[in-house]
């Protein structure tokens, strides 16, 4: 049975976007307030913890309690509940599902060049484009307050990012289909954008004597930066780009491995890294049984790759594997690293294996069409990213209702230190993330309809900025409840792990 594919005209697509304004006007996204029957945020976190490794749950809490921003990063479930009550225009895209600032970054394309893109798809699902925009915009407001920005700066840079999304969507609406699909942000484009940004700073001579002053907002809504800060930002970018180029399996082996009797293995650093030789006590299985499970899943995972990539991977053999704690919100879900060897011991390859659970959006939104959660993540990632990992695939766990996806552990991956950014850098970075999100949505949704809905004025920008400010205040209240739950021993936390 084949599905008929509709091909509406440009006018019909635009009319669909204008019609959507009747369902939810662009300014209807303002004025958000929590529902009267809003669930206890700590209870939602506890609910997620039920299927996580118990010894890692306190580590998750410890990472979330570091700041309101790290709490926000781990609170996708809470926001999913809140988003269910917000207005939507009925224009669907493939959602990232957790599009906060720290889920963007650089990594290597199969052509071995750095690209900037969304890099986390654990919650990906088709749904209203507004969900991702609100998640990103609110993260910008939370980060701004977390970094000591003023209220006016937080508003300006949040609005700037939403404006970037809206204007970028209009640009993609005017582009040819394949041009939208091929659009991406390369390392050279990032460098050019940074250079243009810094040139604008240098061109404002009035700032060159204000190196000690705090960044402020300009009349056009952007944030200013001192000349000294601009130079520091340029150095930091070059340093981070160089560091990203060095992040590969060789570097991972030097950091994570150790040599014993002429063979490499993964070093034990509990609870962050627990190698296979020690994991049998955690999962109650004999070492031999664990090895059979891993090899079986590896074979299943290989079968999900394209034939030429499967043949390439078959040239590697598994040497060792370990459980490895990653991220903030993901802590406690099962995550592993696998060390493989190619032609000899000087030819390592590290793969990361992450558990894929139900998306937090599968309560407010329909369930995924993919019964295998690992495939849901992989297919969503391939649709949204301009360039995906060469070894991206999935497998089913040995236990019922356990699913995983596989990718390279370190392939020139790098993330921005959001917590270190002053207002002007947040402004630049937020706009870049918003451009990237619009590109991902244009690939999977109808850019013409979304652009028509968003319109030419800033009503949507203002409304999402208002939502973000209100949600940042709610995040502060939730964070206070969360830390109180730790202080009163309702839940346990282990910090600095």
Protein backbone atom coordinates (compact mmCIF):
# COMPACT_ATOMS: atom_id res chain seq x y z
CA UNK A 1 0.00 0.00 0.00
CA UNK A 2 1.39 3.40 -0.99
CA UNK A 3 0.62 6.74 0.60
CA UNK A 4 -0.37 9.54 -1.70
CA UNK A 5 1.91 12.56 -1.30
CA UNK A 6 0.26 15.95 -1.66
CA UNK A 7 2.07 18.76 -3.48
CA UNK A 8 0.26 22.03 -2.67
CA UNK A 9 1.23 25.20 -4.49
CA UNK A 10 3.18 28.00 -2.82
CA UNK A 11 -0.02 30.01 -2.51
CA UNK A 12 -1.79 27.09 -0.85
CA UNK A 13 1.09 26.56 1.58
CA UNK A 14 1.16 30.23 2.47
CA UNK A 15 -2.62 30.22 2.93
CA UNK A 16 -2.25 27.29 5.34
CA UNK A 17 0.10 29.39 7.46
CA UNK A 18 -2.23 32.38 7.44
CA UNK A 19 -5.14 30.11 8.37
CA UNK A 20 -3.10 28.84 11.34
CA UNK A 21 -3.08 32.37 12.76
CA UNK A 22 -6.79 31.88 13.43
CA UNK A 23 -6.03 28.87 15.65
CA UNK A 24 -3.30 30.59 17.64
CA UNK A 25 -2.39 34.19 16.86
CA UNK A 26 1.34 34.95 17.10
CA UNK A 27 0.76 37.08 20.19
CA UNK A 28 -1.23 34.31 21.94
CA UNK A 29 2.02 32.77 23.22
CA UNK A 30 2.42 35.55 25.78
CA UNK A 31 0.87 35.64 29.23
CA UNK A 32 1.83 32.08 30.19
CA UNK A 33 1.05 30.93 33.71
CA UNK A 34 1.27 27.48 35.31
CA UNK A 35 -1.84 25.33 35.27
CA UNK A 36 -3.85 25.20 38.49
CA UNK A 37 -3.37 21.43 38.67
CA UNK A 38 0.30 21.53 37.65
CA UNK A 39 2.09 18.38 38.91
CA UNK A 40 4.77 18.55 41.60
CA UNK A 41 8.01 19.09 39.63
CA UNK A 42 10.05 16.95 42.03
CA UNK A 43 7.54 14.12 41.65
CA UNK A 44 8.02 14.23 37.87
CA UNK A 45 11.77 13.84 38.35
CA UNK A 46 11.21 10.98 40.78
CA UNK A 47 8.93 9.30 38.24
CA UNK A 48 11.73 9.41 35.66
CA UNK A 49 14.17 7.97 38.19
CA UNK A 50 12.18 4.74 38.58
CA UNK A 51 13.71 3.09 35.51
CA UNK A 52 17.20 4.52 35.97
CA UNK A 53 20.22 2.86 37.56
CA UNK A 54 19.65 3.59 41.29
CA UNK A 55 23.32 4.23 42.09
CA UNK A 56 23.41 7.04 39.51
CA UNK A 57 20.18 8.83 40.47
CA UNK A 58 21.95 10.89 43.21
CA UNK A 59 24.58 11.88 40.62
CA UNK A 60 21.82 13.16 38.35
CA UNK A 61 20.38 15.22 41.19
CA UNK A 62 23.83 16.57 42.07
CA UNK A 63 24.42 17.77 38.53
CA UNK A 64 20.97 19.34 38.30
CA UNK A 65 21.37 21.27 41.56
CA UNK A 66 24.50 23.11 40.38
CA UNK A 67 22.46 26.08 39.11
CA UNK A 68 19.02 27.04 37.76
CA UNK A 69 20.45 26.53 34.25
CA UNK A 70 21.68 22.98 34.90
CA UNK A 71 18.32 22.24 36.54
CA UNK A 72 16.57 23.50 33.40
CA UNK A 73 18.76 21.21 31.29
CA UNK A 74 17.57 18.20 33.27
CA UNK A 75 13.93 19.28 33.50
CA UNK A 76 12.70 18.50 29.97
CA UNK A 77 9.95 16.31 31.45
CA UNK A 78 8.63 19.18 33.55
CA UNK A 79 8.53 21.57 30.61
CA UNK A 80 6.86 18.96 28.39
CA UNK A 81 3.96 18.89 30.85
CA UNK A 82 3.77 22.68 30.80
CA UNK A 83 3.96 22.92 27.00
CA UNK A 84 0.95 20.65 26.68
CA UNK A 85 -1.21 23.53 27.94
CA UNK A 86 0.19 26.16 25.56
CA UNK A 87 -1.40 27.35 22.28
CA UNK A 88 -0.15 25.87 19.00
CA UNK A 89 -0.85 26.77 15.39
CA UNK A 90 -1.05 23.18 14.13
CA UNK A 91 2.12 23.41 12.01
CA UNK A 92 4.22 20.34 12.69
CA UNK A 93 7.93 19.70 12.30
CA UNK A 94 10.34 17.08 13.58
CA UNK A 95 11.07 18.38 17.07
CA UNK A 96 14.42 18.14 18.79
CA UNK A 97 12.32 17.94 21.94
CA UNK A 98 15.04 19.37 24.18
CA UNK A 99 16.41 22.32 22.22
CA UNK A 100 18.21 24.17 25.00
CA UNK A 101 21.47 26.05 24.39
CA UNK A 102 23.76 23.24 25.58
CA UNK A 103 22.29 20.77 23.09
CA UNK A 104 23.96 22.54 20.17
CA UNK A 105 27.61 22.18 19.25
CA UNK A 106 30.25 21.28 16.70
CA UNK A 107 31.18 17.83 15.43
CA UNK A 108 32.78 16.23 12.39
CA UNK A 109 30.88 15.55 9.20
CA UNK A 110 31.71 12.34 7.31
CA UNK A 111 33.84 14.59 5.10
CA UNK A 112 35.97 15.40 8.20
CA UNK A 113 35.02 19.07 8.47
CA UNK A 114 33.54 20.76 11.52
CA UNK A 115 29.83 21.62 11.38
CA UNK A 116 27.59 23.33 13.94
CA UNK A 117 24.23 21.70 14.60
CA UNK A 118 21.81 20.30 17.17
CA UNK A 119 23.56 17.39 18.88
CA UNK A 120 20.98 15.78 21.19
CA UNK A 121 17.83 14.01 20.03
CA UNK A 122 16.82 11.86 22.99
CA UNK A 123 13.36 13.48 23.04
CA UNK A 124 12.84 13.93 19.29
CA UNK A 125 9.27 13.53 18.02
CA UNK A 126 7.01 15.17 15.41
CA UNK A 127 5.06 18.03 16.93
CA UNK A 128 4.26 21.78 16.98
CA UNK A 129 7.24 23.91 16.02
CA UNK A 130 6.50 26.26 18.93
CA UNK A 131 7.61 23.63 21.46
CA UNK A 132 11.24 23.78 20.31
CA UNK A 133 11.23 27.55 19.97
CA UNK A 134 9.94 27.98 23.52
CA UNK A 135 12.43 25.46 24.92
CA UNK A 136 15.32 27.28 23.23
CA UNK A 137 14.16 30.81 24.04
CA UNK A 138 13.47 30.04 27.69
CA UNK A 139 16.91 28.43 28.03
CA UNK A 140 18.42 31.68 26.79
CA UNK A 141 16.55 33.69 29.41
CA UNK A 142 17.50 31.23 32.18
CA UNK A 143 21.14 31.28 31.06
CA UNK A 144 21.19 35.08 30.91
CA UNK A 145 19.97 35.44 34.49
CA UNK A 146 22.29 32.63 35.58
CA UNK A 147 25.23 34.52 34.07
CA UNK A 148 24.40 37.78 35.82
CA UNK A 149 22.79 39.63 32.92
CA UNK A 150 20.30 42.38 33.61
CA UNK A 151 16.60 41.92 32.96
CA UNK A 152 16.75 44.25 29.95
CA UNK A 153 19.69 42.32 28.48
CA UNK A 154 17.93 39.00 29.05
CA UNK A 155 14.86 40.28 27.22
CA UNK A 156 16.91 41.75 24.38
CA UNK A 157 18.98 38.68 23.66
CA UNK A 158 15.97 36.33 23.96
CA UNK A 159 13.97 38.47 21.55
CA UNK A 160 16.99 38.64 19.24
CA UNK A 161 17.15 34.85 19.04
CA UNK A 162 13.42 34.52 18.31
CA UNK A 163 13.71 37.21 15.65
CA UNK A 164 16.58 35.25 14.15
CA UNK A 165 14.38 32.15 14.00
CA UNK A 166 11.51 34.04 12.36
CA UNK A 167 13.69 35.82 9.79
CA UNK A 168 15.65 32.66 9.01
CA UNK A 169 12.42 30.75 8.41
CA UNK A 170 11.38 33.46 5.95
CA UNK A 171 14.70 33.02 4.13
CA UNK A 172 14.24 29.25 3.92
CA UNK A 173 10.65 29.74 2.70
CA UNK A 174 12.09 31.58 -0.31
CA UNK A 175 14.76 28.95 -1.07
CA UNK A 176 14.63 26.00 -3.44
CA UNK A 177 13.97 22.59 -1.90
CA UNK A 178 17.46 21.09 -2.26
CA UNK A 179 19.10 24.34 -1.14
CA UNK A 180 17.18 24.07 2.14
CA UNK A 181 18.24 20.43 2.52
CA UNK A 182 21.93 21.16 1.90
CA UNK A 183 22.09 24.26 4.13
CA UNK A 184 24.45 23.92 7.08
CA UNK A 185 26.87 25.90 9.23
CA UNK A 186 30.47 24.97 8.48
CA UNK A 187 33.57 25.89 10.47
CA UNK A 188 34.48 28.55 7.92
CA UNK A 189 31.01 30.06 8.18
CA UNK A 190 31.30 30.13 11.97
CA UNK A 191 34.67 31.88 11.70
CA UNK A 192 33.24 34.41 9.25
CA UNK A 193 30.29 35.10 11.55
CA UNK A 194 32.59 35.52 14.56
CA UNK A 195 34.88 37.82 12.55
CA UNK A 196 31.95 39.97 11.42
CA UNK A 197 30.64 40.12 14.97
CA UNK A 198 34.03 41.18 16.34
CA UNK A 199 34.52 43.70 13.53
CA UNK A 200 31.28 45.34 14.57
CA UNK A 201 32.61 45.54 18.12
CA UNK A 202 35.95 46.98 17.01
CA UNK A 203 34.16 49.53 14.84
CA UNK A 204 32.56 51.07 17.90
CA UNK A 205 35.50 53.02 19.18
CA UNK A 206 33.51 54.37 22.09
CA UNK A 207 33.75 50.92 23.72
CA UNK A 208 37.52 50.58 23.56
CA UNK A 209 38.03 52.45 26.82
CA UNK A 210 35.26 50.59 28.69
CA UNK A 211 36.96 47.23 29.17
CA UNK A 212 35.88 47.03 32.81
CA UNK A 213 32.27 47.94 32.21
CA UNK A 214 29.40 45.51 31.94
CA UNK A 215 27.87 44.79 28.53
CA UNK A 216 24.68 46.72 27.82
CA UNK A 217 21.84 46.58 25.30
CA UNK A 218 21.92 48.70 22.13
CA UNK A 219 18.97 50.43 20.51
CA UNK A 220 18.49 47.58 18.01
CA UNK A 221 18.17 45.04 20.83
CA UNK A 222 21.60 43.49 20.56
CA UNK A 223 24.10 43.41 23.39
CA UNK A 224 27.36 45.32 23.33
CA UNK A 225 30.76 43.93 24.25
CA UNK A 226 33.93 45.70 25.23
CA UNK A 227 37.00 45.49 22.99
CA UNK A 228 38.82 43.46 25.64
CA UNK A 229 35.94 40.99 25.90
CA UNK A 230 35.85 40.73 22.10
CA UNK A 231 39.51 39.74 21.93
CA UNK A 232 39.03 37.20 24.71
CA UNK A 233 36.03 35.76 22.86
CA UNK A 234 38.06 35.41 19.66
CA UNK A 235 40.85 33.60 21.51
CA UNK A 236 38.35 31.31 23.23
CA UNK A 237 36.73 30.41 19.91
CA UNK A 238 40.08 29.55 18.31
CA UNK A 239 41.03 27.48 21.34
CA UNK A 240 37.73 25.59 21.35
CA UNK A 241 37.91 24.92 17.60
CA UNK A 242 41.44 23.56 17.96
CA UNK A 243 40.34 21.42 20.91
CA UNK A 244 37.41 20.03 18.90
CA UNK A 245 39.76 18.94 16.10
CA UNK A 246 41.80 16.96 18.62
CA UNK A 247 38.81 15.13 20.12
CA UNK A 248 38.93 11.74 18.44
CA UNK A 249 39.31 8.08 19.41
CA UNK A 250 43.08 8.47 19.91
CA UNK A 251 42.47 11.26 22.42
CA UNK A 252 39.69 9.24 24.06
CA UNK A 253 42.02 6.26 24.43
CA UNK A 254 44.66 8.45 26.09
CA UNK A 255 42.07 9.79 28.53
CA UNK A 256 39.89 6.74 29.16
CA UNK A 257 42.24 3.83 28.56
CA UNK A 258 45.12 2.09 30.25
CA UNK A 259 47.64 -0.48 29.03
CA UNK A 260 47.82 -3.84 30.83
CA UNK A 261 49.99 -6.73 29.61
CA UNK A 262 50.43 -5.11 26.21
CA UNK A 263 46.69 -4.58 25.64
CA UNK A 264 44.51 -1.54 26.08
CA UNK A 265 41.43 -1.56 28.27
CA UNK A 266 39.10 1.09 29.71
CA UNK A 267 40.28 2.41 33.08
CA UNK A 268 37.99 2.23 36.11
CA UNK A 269 36.85 5.60 37.50
CA UNK A 270 33.67 4.79 39.46
CA UNK A 271 30.93 5.87 39.46
CA UNK A 272 31.56 7.84 36.26
CA UNK A 273 33.26 4.97 34.40
CA UNK A 274 32.74 1.34 35.43
CA UNK A 275 34.39 -1.14 33.01
CA UNK A 276 32.87 -4.46 31.99
CA UNK A 277 35.10 -6.45 34.35
CA UNK A 278 33.36 -4.73 37.30
CA UNK A 279 29.82 -4.36 35.98
CA UNK A 280 28.55 -7.87 36.71
CA UNK A 281 27.86 -6.88 40.32
CA UNK A 282 25.81 -3.87 39.16
CA UNK A 283 23.51 -5.83 36.87
CA UNK A 284 23.64 -9.24 38.55
CA UNK A 285 25.03 -11.06 35.53
CA UNK A 286 28.14 -13.17 35.09
CA UNK A 287 30.96 -11.60 33.00
CA UNK A 288 30.52 -14.21 30.29
CA UNK A 289 26.80 -13.49 30.02
CA UNK A 290 27.47 -9.76 29.77
CA UNK A 291 29.94 -10.35 26.94
CA UNK A 292 27.38 -12.40 25.01
CA UNK A 293 24.81 -9.64 25.43
CA UNK A 294 27.19 -6.93 24.21
CA UNK A 295 28.32 -8.94 21.19
CA UNK A 296 24.72 -9.75 20.31
CA UNK A 297 23.69 -6.11 20.49
CA UNK A 298 26.72 -5.09 18.45
CA UNK A 299 25.67 -7.47 15.66
CA UNK A 300 22.11 -6.14 15.79
CA UNK A 301 23.35 -2.55 15.72
CA UNK A 302 25.58 -3.24 12.69
CA UNK A 303 22.55 -4.52 10.78
CA UNK A 304 20.94 -1.04 11.02
CA UNK A 305 23.83 0.61 9.16
CA UNK A 306 24.07 1.10 5.42
CA UNK A 307 25.94 -1.82 3.78
CA UNK A 308 29.17 0.06 3.09
CA UNK A 309 29.30 1.41 6.65
CA UNK A 310 28.55 -2.01 8.05
CA UNK A 311 31.43 -3.45 6.06
CA UNK A 312 33.72 -0.73 7.38
CA UNK A 313 32.70 -1.38 10.98
CA UNK A 314 33.25 -5.12 10.56
CA UNK A 315 36.96 -4.40 10.26
CA UNK A 316 36.96 -3.49 13.95
CA UNK A 317 36.70 -5.88 16.89
CA UNK A 318 35.45 -5.13 20.42
CA UNK A 319 38.29 -4.93 22.97
CA UNK A 320 36.47 -3.61 26.06
CA UNK A 321 33.38 -1.72 27.16
CA UNK A 322 32.18 0.22 30.20
CA UNK A 323 29.26 2.11 31.68
CA UNK A 324 29.92 5.86 31.43
CA UNK A 325 27.89 8.68 32.98
CA UNK A 326 27.02 11.43 30.50
CA UNK A 327 25.15 14.73 30.50
CA UNK A 328 22.73 16.06 33.11
CA UNK A 329 19.18 14.95 32.33
CA UNK A 330 20.41 11.64 30.88
CA UNK A 331 22.26 10.55 34.01
CA UNK A 332 20.89 7.25 35.30
CA UNK A 333 19.67 6.04 31.92
CA UNK A 334 22.05 3.37 30.74
CA UNK A 335 25.00 4.69 28.74
CA UNK A 336 28.13 2.82 27.72
CA UNK A 337 31.34 3.28 25.77
CA UNK A 338 32.78 0.51 23.62
CA UNK A 339 36.47 0.34 22.71
CA UNK A 340 37.16 -1.30 19.35
CA UNK A 341 40.43 -1.99 17.56
CA UNK A 342 41.08 -1.92 13.83
CA UNK A 343 44.28 -3.03 12.13
CA UNK A 344 46.29 -2.98 15.38
CA UNK A 345 46.41 -1.46 18.87
CA UNK A 346 47.24 1.92 17.35
CA UNK A 347 43.92 2.00 15.47
CA UNK A 348 41.22 2.56 18.15
CA UNK A 349 37.56 3.43 17.69
CA UNK A 350 35.28 4.45 20.55
CA UNK A 351 31.52 4.10 20.18
CA UNK A 352 28.96 5.49 22.59
CA UNK A 353 25.82 3.47 23.37
CA UNK A 354 22.97 5.42 24.98
CA UNK A 355 19.66 4.15 26.22
CA UNK A 356 16.66 5.57 24.41
CA UNK A 357 13.50 5.81 26.48
CA UNK A 358 10.08 7.17 25.56
CA UNK A 359 10.25 10.81 24.61
CA UNK A 360 9.00 13.13 27.35
CA UNK A 361 6.74 14.59 24.65
CA UNK A 362 4.89 11.30 24.12
CA UNK A 363 2.36 12.23 26.78
CA UNK A 364 1.24 15.59 25.41
CA UNK A 365 1.81 14.36 21.82
CA UNK A 366 0.94 11.08 20.08
CA UNK A 367 3.28 8.12 20.53
CA UNK A 368 6.13 7.69 18.09
CA UNK A 369 5.46 5.66 14.96
CA UNK A 370 8.67 3.80 15.81
CA UNK A 371 8.13 1.05 18.38
CA UNK A 372 11.91 0.91 18.88
CA UNK A 373 12.93 4.06 20.81
CA UNK A 374 16.50 3.85 19.53
CA UNK A 375 15.25 4.02 15.95
CA UNK A 376 13.05 6.99 16.91
CA UNK A 377 16.15 8.90 18.02
CA UNK A 378 18.24 7.93 14.99
CA UNK A 379 15.58 8.69 12.39
CA UNK A 380 14.76 12.02 14.03
CA UNK A 381 18.43 12.95 14.11
CA UNK A 382 18.96 12.05 10.46
CA UNK A 383 15.99 14.19 9.49
CA UNK A 384 16.99 17.27 11.47
CA UNK A 385 20.78 17.32 11.12
CA UNK A 386 22.48 18.52 7.97
CA UNK A 387 25.18 15.88 8.47
CA UNK A 388 24.93 12.89 10.81
CA UNK A 389 27.44 10.51 12.37
CA UNK A 390 28.83 7.85 10.05
CA UNK A 391 28.12 5.11 12.61
CA UNK A 392 24.68 6.20 13.83
CA UNK A 393 22.44 3.16 14.42
CA UNK A 394 20.31 1.35 17.01
CA UNK A 395 19.75 -1.94 18.83
CA UNK A 396 17.32 -3.57 21.27
CA UNK A 397 18.49 -4.35 24.78
CA UNK A 398 18.56 -7.82 26.31
CA UNK A 399 15.92 -6.80 28.85
CA UNK A 400 12.34 -6.02 27.92
CA UNK A 401 11.63 -2.37 27.07
CA UNK A 402 15.32 -1.41 26.83
CA UNK A 403 16.45 0.26 23.63
CA UNK A 404 19.71 1.89 22.57
CA UNK A 405 21.29 4.02 19.88
CA UNK A 406 24.96 3.97 18.88
CA UNK A 407 27.31 6.65 17.57
CA UNK A 408 30.95 7.67 17.78
CA UNK A 409 32.00 8.82 21.24
CA UNK A 410 34.31 11.61 20.17
CA UNK A 411 34.37 12.73 16.59
CA UNK A 412 35.64 16.30 16.84
CA UNK A 413 32.74 17.06 19.17
CA UNK A 414 32.73 20.34 21.06
CA UNK A 415 30.19 22.29 23.12
CA UNK A 416 30.03 25.93 24.12
CA UNK A 417 30.49 26.83 27.78
CA UNK A 418 27.16 28.60 28.08
CA UNK A 419 27.62 29.36 31.78
CA UNK A 420 30.75 31.41 30.97
CA UNK A 421 29.15 33.71 28.37
CA UNK A 422 28.50 37.42 29.02
CA UNK A 423 25.48 39.07 27.43
CA UNK A 424 27.00 39.85 24.03
CA UNK A 425 28.31 36.31 23.55
CA UNK A 426 24.96 34.86 24.59
CA UNK A 427 23.33 37.16 22.07
CA UNK A 428 25.57 35.91 19.25
CA UNK A 429 25.32 32.27 20.28
CA UNK A 430 21.55 32.39 20.78
CA UNK A 431 21.03 33.75 17.28
CA UNK A 432 23.26 31.04 15.82
CA UNK A 433 21.30 28.33 17.65
CA UNK A 434 18.02 29.88 16.48
CA UNK A 435 19.23 29.87 12.85
CA UNK A 436 20.17 26.22 13.23
CA UNK A 437 16.81 25.29 14.76
CA UNK A 438 14.95 27.07 11.96
CA UNK A 439 17.03 25.16 9.41
CA UNK A 440 16.18 21.85 11.08
CA UNK A 441 12.49 22.73 11.15
CA UNK A 442 12.57 23.84 7.50
CA UNK A 443 14.00 20.43 6.54
CA UNK A 444 11.23 18.51 8.26
CA UNK A 445 8.28 20.88 8.11
CA UNK A 446 6.69 23.43 5.77
CA UNK A 447 8.87 26.54 5.88
CA UNK A 448 6.44 28.47 3.67
CA UNK A 449 3.49 27.85 5.98
CA UNK A 450 5.49 28.54 9.15
CA UNK A 451 6.93 31.76 7.69
CA UNK A 452 3.45 32.93 6.70
CA UNK A 453 2.20 32.21 10.21
CA UNK A 454 5.10 34.09 11.86
CA UNK A 455 4.58 37.14 9.64
CA UNK A 456 6.76 40.20 9.08
CA UNK A 457 6.22 41.99 12.40
CA UNK A 458 7.63 41.11 15.82
CA UNK A 459 4.40 39.98 17.50
CA UNK A 460 5.65 36.38 17.75
CA UNK A 461 9.08 37.54 18.95
CA UNK A 462 7.55 39.64 21.71
CA UNK A 463 5.16 36.88 22.78
CA UNK A 464 7.86 34.19 23.03
CA UNK A 465 10.10 36.61 24.93
CA UNK A 466 7.27 37.19 27.41
CA UNK A 467 6.73 33.43 27.71
CA UNK A 468 10.46 32.91 28.31
CA UNK A 469 10.62 35.49 31.07
CA UNK A 470 7.63 33.94 32.82
CA UNK A 471 8.97 30.43 32.39
CA UNK A 472 12.40 31.40 33.70
CA UNK A 473 10.68 32.62 36.87
CA UNK A 474 8.84 29.29 37.12
CA UNK A 475 12.12 27.44 36.61
CA UNK A 476 13.55 29.36 39.57
CA UNK A 477 10.62 28.26 41.72
CA UNK A 478 10.98 24.65 40.58
CA UNK A 479 14.71 24.78 41.27
CA UNK A 480 14.01 26.04 44.78
CA UNK A 481 11.58 23.14 45.36
CA UNK A 482 14.13 20.71 44.00
CA UNK A 483 16.96 21.95 46.22
CA UNK A 484 14.60 21.96 49.20
CA UNK A 485 13.75 18.31 48.47
CA UNK A 486 17.47 17.55 48.66
CA UNK A 487 18.02 19.58 51.81
CA UNK A 488 15.09 17.87 53.54
CA UNK A 489 16.35 14.42 52.44
CA UNK A 490 13.32 13.67 50.28
CA UNK A 491 15.79 12.87 47.51
CA UNK A 492 19.55 12.29 47.62
CA UNK A 493 22.24 14.18 45.72
CA UNK A 494 25.94 13.61 45.11
CA UNK A 495 27.72 16.68 43.75
CA UNK A 496 30.90 17.22 41.75
CA UNK A 497 30.76 13.83 40.04
